[in-house]
Protein backbone atom coordinates (compact mmCIF):
# COMPACT_ATOMS: atom_id res chain seq x y z
CA UNK A 1 0.00 0.00 0.00
CA UNK A 2 0.94 3.64 -0.22
CA UNK A 3 1.91 6.09 2.48
CA UNK A 4 -0.26 9.22 2.82
CA UNK A 5 2.51 11.26 1.13
CA UNK A 6 2.72 8.81 -1.78
CA UNK A 7 -1.06 8.97 -2.25
CA UNK A 8 -0.91 12.77 -2.18
CA UNK A 9 1.80 12.69 -4.87
CA UNK A 10 -0.24 10.28 -7.01
CA UNK A 11 -3.23 12.65 -6.81
CA UNK A 12 -1.08 15.47 -8.19
CA UNK A 13 -0.01 13.69 -11.39
CA UNK A 14 -1.02 15.79 -14.39
CA UNK A 15 -2.93 13.64 -16.92
CA UNK A 16 -1.60 15.81 -19.75
CA UNK A 17 1.99 15.14 -18.71
CA UNK A 18 1.87 11.33 -18.83
CA UNK A 19 2.41 8.98 -21.74
CA UNK A 20 -0.76 6.98 -22.45
CA UNK A 21 1.34 3.83 -22.81
CA UNK A 22 2.62 4.26 -19.24
CA UNK A 23 -0.88 4.11 -17.75
CA UNK A 24 -2.55 0.86 -16.71
CA UNK A 25 -5.75 0.02 -18.60
CA UNK A 26 -8.51 -0.65 -16.08
CA UNK A 27 -9.89 -3.27 -18.49
CA UNK A 28 -6.78 -5.35 -17.72
CA UNK A 29 -7.30 -5.24 -13.95
CA UNK A 30 -8.77 -8.42 -12.52
CA UNK A 31 -10.76 -8.16 -9.30
CA UNK A 32 -10.28 -11.28 -7.18
CA UNK A 33 -13.72 -11.55 -5.59
CA UNK A 34 -12.69 -14.49 -3.42
CA UNK A 35 -10.27 -12.27 -1.48
CA UNK A 36 -11.39 -10.43 1.65
CA UNK A 37 -12.35 -6.78 1.04
CA UNK A 38 -9.08 -5.29 2.34
CA UNK A 39 -6.98 -7.67 0.24
CA UNK A 40 -9.11 -6.94 -2.86
CA UNK A 41 -8.47 -3.23 -2.41
CA UNK A 42 -4.74 -3.79 -1.96
CA UNK A 43 -4.64 -6.06 -5.02
CA UNK A 44 -6.54 -3.51 -7.12
CA UNK A 45 -4.11 -0.75 -6.12
CA UNK A 46 -1.13 -3.02 -6.81
CA UNK A 47 -2.45 -3.73 -10.31
CA UNK A 48 -3.60 -0.21 -11.25
CA UNK A 49 -0.42 1.47 -9.86
CA UNK A 50 -2.12 4.87 -9.50
CA UNK A 51 -5.74 4.70 -8.29
CA UNK A 52 -6.24 8.35 -9.29
CA UNK A 53 -4.95 8.13 -12.87
CA UNK A 54 -5.34 5.25 -15.32
CA UNK A 55 -6.77 4.62 -18.76
CA UNK A 56 -9.86 2.92 -20.11
CA UNK A 57 -8.98 1.92 -23.66
CA UNK A 58 -7.47 5.08 -25.16
CA UNK A 59 -9.13 7.44 -22.68
CA UNK A 60 -7.18 8.85 -19.75
CA UNK A 61 -9.24 8.76 -16.54
CA UNK A 62 -8.44 11.10 -13.64
CA UNK A 63 -10.35 10.34 -10.43
CA UNK A 64 -11.01 12.97 -7.77
CA UNK A 65 -13.12 12.73 -4.65
CA UNK A 66 -14.86 15.51 -2.81
CA UNK A 67 -16.01 15.81 0.77
CA UNK A 68 -19.52 16.76 -0.37
CA UNK A 69 -22.57 15.56 1.51
CA UNK A 70 -24.32 14.72 -1.77
CA UNK A 71 -23.67 11.25 -3.20
CA UNK A 72 -22.84 10.58 -6.84
CA UNK A 73 -26.22 8.89 -7.26
CA UNK A 74 -28.05 11.95 -5.93
CA UNK A 75 -25.98 14.26 -8.12
CA UNK A 76 -26.74 12.14 -11.22
CA UNK A 77 -30.47 12.25 -10.43
CA UNK A 78 -30.27 16.05 -10.19
CA UNK A 79 -28.40 16.18 -13.50
CA UNK A 80 -30.98 13.99 -15.25
CA UNK A 81 -33.84 16.15 -13.98
CA UNK A 82 -32.19 19.17 -15.64
CA UNK A 83 -31.96 17.49 -19.05
């Protein structure tokens, strides 16, 4: 696993500054469902290398989390009501 400083550094990686070929494709990550939850998380992070920046096919994906009280599901419902 990563230290808090290492995770902070991984969050800061600029998606425009990385080579697409250097990123792990999430389609290649295999989730071992038979493992306990904590071990599954550790295995996912080991495989993906940077849980905040990876690719899905040829698309770079940058993940960010907020401390908002509203869940993603609630936010998506709000968005759909506006459309």
